[in-house]
Amino acid sequence: MHARSSSAANVVRRRLTALAAMVAAGGLIGGGLGSAAQADDLPTGTFKLQSGHGFCARVDFDLLQSRSCITLALEEQFVYDLLTKQIRSVSGGLLTCVEEADPDVYVLPCDNSSASQKWGRRVVTGGWVVYPYTATRKGLRADEFGGDVTLDPAPSSADAVWTFPLI
């Protein structure tokens, strides 16, 4: 009888080890058991939003602009709130898309209940597409010459690819 319980314990141990390995592999691939292209949260900590063209997103009054990066400029520093899914400006604002018809991205006072202030990202070649929860097929866009950051209806070029250098 002792041999049977020992054998059963070994079977359970092997199954648990295999399950743990599958869960760990899923986490390394894409943050879960799904595909690597799944959406995920933005990074924690203070970061810059840097476009595929090397410009940094910057708060300019109530608009989000892309300009040449300036080391440690508060207007270029952001934090992501994991609970509310908001991107908060260190200089005092919040990214939000006012409405679908308006492609601009504004920096307005935080409203935790506003769906237009919730953001996520999905993996693409070279970085991530940052999208609003209200329009998940769209993504933040900064063209190669800088200027206003807008929502791209079909983000697929370097204009819509972002990285998140930590500060």
Protein backbone atom coordinates (compact mmCIF):
# COMPACT_ATOMS: atom_id res chain seq x y z
CA MET A 1 0.00 0.00 0.00
CA HIS A 2 2.87 2.35 0.74
CA ALA A 3 4.23 1.87 -2.82
CA ARG A 4 0.87 2.87 -4.32
CA SER A 5 0.61 6.12 -2.37
CA SER A 6 4.22 6.94 -3.23
CA SER A 7 3.51 6.27 -6.91
CA ALA A 8 0.34 8.40 -6.85
CA ALA A 9 2.25 11.22 -5.16
CA ASN A 10 4.89 11.09 -7.91
CA VAL A 11 2.17 11.30 -10.61
CA VAL A 12 0.60 14.33 -8.90
CA ARG A 13 4.03 15.97 -8.48
CA ARG A 14 4.86 15.46 -12.19
CA ARG A 15 1.49 16.89 -13.28
CA LEU A 16 1.88 19.93 -11.05
CA THR A 17 5.42 20.48 -12.35
CA ALA A 18 4.18 20.26 -15.96
CA LEU A 19 1.32 22.68 -15.20
CA ALA A 20 3.71 25.15 -13.53
CA ALA A 21 6.02 24.97 -16.57
CA MET A 22 3.08 25.70 -18.92
CA VAL A 23 1.98 28.69 -16.84
CA ALA A 24 5.54 30.05 -16.69
CA ALA A 25 5.99 29.64 -20.46
CA GLY A 26 2.69 31.44 -21.07
CA GLY A 27 3.82 34.35 -18.90
CA LEU A 28 7.10 34.63 -20.76
CA ILE A 29 5.43 34.57 -24.17
CA GLY A 30 2.72 37.16 -23.69
CA GLY A 31 1.66 37.70 -20.13
CA GLY A 32 -0.81 34.81 -20.12
CA LEU A 33 -1.72 31.55 -21.76
CA GLY A 34 -2.82 33.30 -24.99
CA SER A 35 -0.84 34.60 -27.94
CA ALA A 36 2.05 37.06 -27.76
CA ALA A 37 -0.03 39.66 -29.62
CA GLN A 38 -2.47 40.11 -26.74
CA ALA A 39 -3.03 43.52 -25.23
CA ASP A 40 -1.29 44.30 -21.99
CA ASP A 41 -0.83 47.09 -19.52
CA LEU A 42 1.68 49.85 -20.03
CA PRO A 43 4.81 49.78 -17.85
CA THR A 44 4.83 50.78 -14.21
CA GLY A 45 7.14 53.51 -13.03
CA THR A 46 7.89 56.82 -14.73
CA PHE A 47 8.49 56.57 -18.46
CA LYS A 48 8.59 58.49 -21.72
CA LEU A 49 6.38 57.71 -24.71
CA GLN A 50 8.89 57.58 -27.57
CA SER A 51 7.66 57.27 -31.16
CA GLY A 52 9.10 55.03 -33.84
CA HIS A 53 10.67 58.18 -35.31
CA GLY A 54 12.51 58.96 -32.06
CA PHE A 55 10.30 61.84 -30.91
CA CYS A 56 8.89 62.01 -27.37
CA ALA A 57 5.25 62.69 -26.54
CA ARG A 58 5.01 65.95 -24.64
CA VAL A 59 2.21 67.81 -22.87
CA ASP A 60 1.71 71.20 -24.52
CA PHE A 61 -1.10 73.01 -22.67
CA ASP A 62 -4.05 70.64 -23.28
CA LEU A 63 -2.68 68.76 -26.32
CA LEU A 64 -0.28 65.86 -26.61
CA GLN A 65 2.52 66.71 -29.05
CA SER A 66 5.59 64.87 -30.35
CA ARG A 67 8.88 66.75 -30.24
CA SER A 68 12.59 66.12 -29.93
CA CYS A 69 13.24 64.43 -26.59
CA ILE A 70 14.60 66.57 -23.74
CA THR A 71 16.29 64.68 -20.91
CA LEU A 72 14.20 64.77 -17.70
CA ALA A 73 11.61 67.28 -19.02
CA LEU A 74 8.53 66.86 -16.79
CA GLU A 75 6.27 67.47 -19.81
CA GLU A 76 7.61 64.21 -21.32
CA GLN A 77 7.19 62.03 -18.24
CA PHE A 78 4.22 59.75 -17.66
CA VAL A 79 3.05 57.09 -15.24
CA TYR A 80 0.44 54.38 -15.84
CA ASP A 81 -2.23 53.64 -13.26
CA LEU A 82 -2.85 49.87 -13.38
CA LEU A 83 -6.21 50.16 -11.59
CA THR A 84 -7.81 52.91 -13.68
CA LYS A 85 -5.81 52.21 -16.92
CA GLN A 86 -4.99 55.92 -17.14
CA ILE A 87 -1.78 57.45 -18.46
CA ARG A 88 -1.03 60.35 -16.15
CA SER A 89 1.29 63.20 -17.01
CA VAL A 90 3.90 63.94 -14.34
CA SER A 91 3.44 67.62 -15.23
CA GLY A 92 -0.22 67.43 -14.18
CA GLY A 93 -2.56 66.09 -16.89
CA LEU A 94 -3.99 62.91 -18.34
CA LEU A 95 -4.21 61.55 -21.88
CA THR A 96 -7.69 61.24 -23.24
CA CYS A 97 -9.43 61.04 -26.58
CA VAL A 98 -12.38 63.40 -26.43
CA GLU A 99 -14.46 61.52 -29.00
CA GLU A 100 -14.20 59.19 -32.01
CA ALA A 101 -14.84 61.97 -34.52
CA ASP A 102 -11.99 64.07 -33.14
CA PRO A 103 -8.57 62.52 -33.82
CA ASP A 104 -6.69 64.76 -31.36
CA VAL A 105 -5.41 63.46 -28.04
CA TYR A 106 -5.99 65.90 -25.20
CA VAL A 107 -4.45 66.21 -21.74
CA LEU A 108 -7.36 66.89 -19.39
CA PRO A 109 -8.10 66.51 -15.68
CA CYS A 110 -8.32 62.89 -14.55
CA ASP A 111 -11.76 61.29 -14.41
CA ASN A 112 -11.52 57.67 -13.21
CA SER A 113 -14.99 56.90 -14.59
CA SER A 114 -14.25 58.18 -18.12
CA ALA A 115 -13.87 55.38 -20.69
CA SER A 116 -12.02 57.78 -23.01
CA GLN A 117 -9.18 58.03 -20.46
CA LYS A 118 -8.42 54.28 -20.40
CA TRP A 119 -5.44 53.02 -22.40
CA GLY A 120 -3.76 49.75 -23.26
CA ARG A 121 -1.05 48.52 -25.60
CA ARG A 122 -0.51 45.62 -27.95
CA VAL A 123 2.77 44.23 -29.21
CA VAL A 124 3.85 44.98 -32.80
CA THR A 125 7.20 44.72 -34.55
CA GLY A 126 9.57 47.28 -33.01
CA GLY A 127 7.44 48.24 -30.01
CA TRP A 128 3.77 48.66 -29.10
CA VAL A 129 0.62 50.31 -30.39
CA VAL A 130 -0.97 52.41 -27.63
CA TYR A 131 -4.76 52.38 -28.01
CA PRO A 132 -7.78 53.86 -26.22
CA TYR A 133 -10.22 51.34 -24.76
CA THR A 134 -13.04 53.17 -26.60
CA ALA A 135 -11.45 52.44 -30.01
CA THR A 136 -9.16 49.42 -29.73
CA ARG A 137 -8.46 49.28 -33.48
CA LYS A 138 -6.97 52.78 -33.39
CA GLY A 139 -3.62 53.82 -31.96
CA LEU A 140 -1.60 56.87 -30.99
CA ARG A 141 0.21 58.35 -34.00
CA ALA A 142 3.15 60.75 -34.30
CA ASP A 143 4.42 61.47 -37.79
CA GLU A 144 8.08 61.67 -38.78
CA PHE A 145 8.16 65.49 -38.47
CA GLY A 146 6.66 65.79 -34.99
CA GLY A 147 3.59 67.88 -34.14
CA ASP A 148 0.24 66.82 -32.71
CA VAL A 149 -0.17 63.25 -31.51
CA THR A 150 -3.41 61.93 -33.00
CA LEU A 151 -5.35 58.69 -33.21
CA ASP A 152 -4.50 56.63 -36.29
CA PRO A 153 -7.52 54.66 -37.59
CA ALA A 154 -5.26 51.87 -38.91
CA PRO A 155 -2.00 51.85 -36.90
CA SER A 156 0.51 49.81 -38.86
CA SER A 157 3.49 52.06 -39.65
CA ALA A 158 6.36 53.53 -37.65
CA ASP A 159 4.06 56.51 -37.00
CA ALA A 160 2.03 54.34 -34.60
CA VAL A 161 4.84 52.36 -32.92
CA TRP A 162 5.91 53.46 -29.43
CA THR A 163 8.49 52.42 -26.85
CA PHE A 164 8.54 53.26 -23.14
CA PRO A 165 12.03 54.22 -21.93
CA LEU A 166 11.94 54.26 -18.12
CA ILE A 167 13.25 57.31 -16.29
